[in-house]
Protein backbone atom coordinates (compact mmCIF):
# COMPACT_ATOMS: atom_id res chain seq x y z
CA MET A 1 6.35 -27.58 25.03
CA THR A 2 2.98 -28.04 23.45
CA SER A 3 2.84 -29.63 19.97
CA VAL A 4 0.60 -27.65 17.18
CA THR A 5 -2.21 -31.37 16.26
CA ALA A 6 -4.29 -31.51 13.24
CA SER A 7 -7.34 -30.74 15.21
CA ASP A 8 -5.31 -27.96 16.23
CA GLU A 9 -4.30 -26.69 12.46
CA SER A 10 -7.91 -26.89 11.25
CA GLU A 11 -9.93 -25.23 14.10
CA ARG A 12 -8.07 -23.09 14.38
CA ARG A 13 -7.90 -21.86 9.90
CA VAL A 14 -12.27 -23.01 10.58
CA ALA A 15 -12.69 -20.46 12.92
CA GLU A 16 -10.56 -17.38 10.32
CA ALA A 17 -12.98 -18.50 7.72
CA LEU A 18 -15.60 -18.22 9.56
CA SER A 19 -14.63 -14.72 10.83
CA ALA A 20 -14.20 -13.72 6.79
CA ARG A 21 -17.26 -14.38 6.41
CA ALA A 22 -18.52 -12.23 9.63
CA SER A 23 -16.53 -9.73 7.88
CA GLY A 24 -18.04 -9.98 4.41
CA ALA A 25 -14.76 -10.81 2.81
CA PRO A 26 -14.69 -12.92 0.01
CA ARG A 27 -13.58 -16.63 0.52
CA GLY A 28 -10.06 -17.73 -0.27
CA THR A 29 -8.94 -14.19 -1.66
CA PRO A 30 -7.62 -10.76 0.79
CA ARG A 31 -9.38 -7.57 2.38
CA ALA A 32 -9.40 -5.29 -0.01
CA ALA A 33 -7.65 -1.85 0.52
CA ARG A 34 -9.79 0.62 1.77
CA PRO A 35 -9.80 3.36 -1.61
CA ALA A 36 -6.38 6.61 -1.59
CA ARG A 37 -8.66 9.64 -0.06
CA THR A 38 -7.93 12.55 -1.96
CA PRO A 39 -6.30 14.93 -0.46
CA PRO A 40 -8.23 17.92 1.47
CA GLY A 41 -7.21 21.51 -0.58
CA ALA A 42 -8.46 19.10 -3.82
CA ASN A 43 -12.14 19.95 -3.86
CA LEU A 44 -10.86 23.31 -3.02
CA THR A 45 -9.06 23.88 -6.06
CA ALA A 46 -11.43 22.42 -8.34
CA ALA A 47 -13.59 23.81 -7.01
CA LEU A 48 -11.44 27.86 -7.38
CA LEU A 49 -10.27 25.74 -10.85
CA VAL A 50 -13.73 25.90 -12.02
CA ALA A 51 -14.48 29.52 -10.74
CA LEU A 52 -12.06 31.00 -12.65
CA LEU A 53 -12.87 29.28 -16.04
CA GLY A 54 -16.70 30.46 -15.47
CA GLY A 55 -15.53 33.62 -14.59
CA ALA A 56 -13.73 33.83 -17.69
CA ALA A 57 -15.93 32.88 -20.28
CA LEU A 58 -18.32 35.28 -18.79
CA GLY A 59 -15.94 38.42 -19.13
CA THR A 60 -15.59 36.83 -22.97
CA VAL A 61 -19.19 36.36 -23.93
CA LEU A 62 -19.63 39.96 -22.40
CA ALA A 63 -16.76 41.89 -23.79
CA LEU A 64 -17.76 39.73 -27.12
CA ILE A 65 -21.89 41.40 -26.59
CA SER A 66 -20.21 44.95 -25.94
CA LEU A 67 -18.11 44.93 -28.65
CA LEU A 68 -20.16 43.20 -31.65
CA ALA A 69 -23.67 44.50 -30.96
CA PRO A 70 -23.52 47.75 -29.12
CA GLY A 71 -26.17 49.11 -27.15
CA VAL A 72 -27.34 46.19 -26.24
CA LEU A 73 -25.88 45.99 -22.60
CA PRO A 74 -26.60 48.61 -20.31
CA PRO A 75 -24.01 51.03 -19.03
CA LEU A 76 -22.59 51.34 -16.51
CA GLY A 77 -22.22 54.90 -15.45
């Protein structure tokens, strides 16, 4: 069995401090956890929702123009 001496303990603490400093971790605090990533489908869902709302707004504007100002929009057929 080997006994842990005070110098062994201090060497270990110095080594830990140096490795923490080299990795960029602030002193006396543990490393910050990485922020949670968004699920893969979240961006697609947001894009589809924006497209749906944009289409509904455009359709509403065109319907109001055709009702309130007849003849402004060209006929389709």
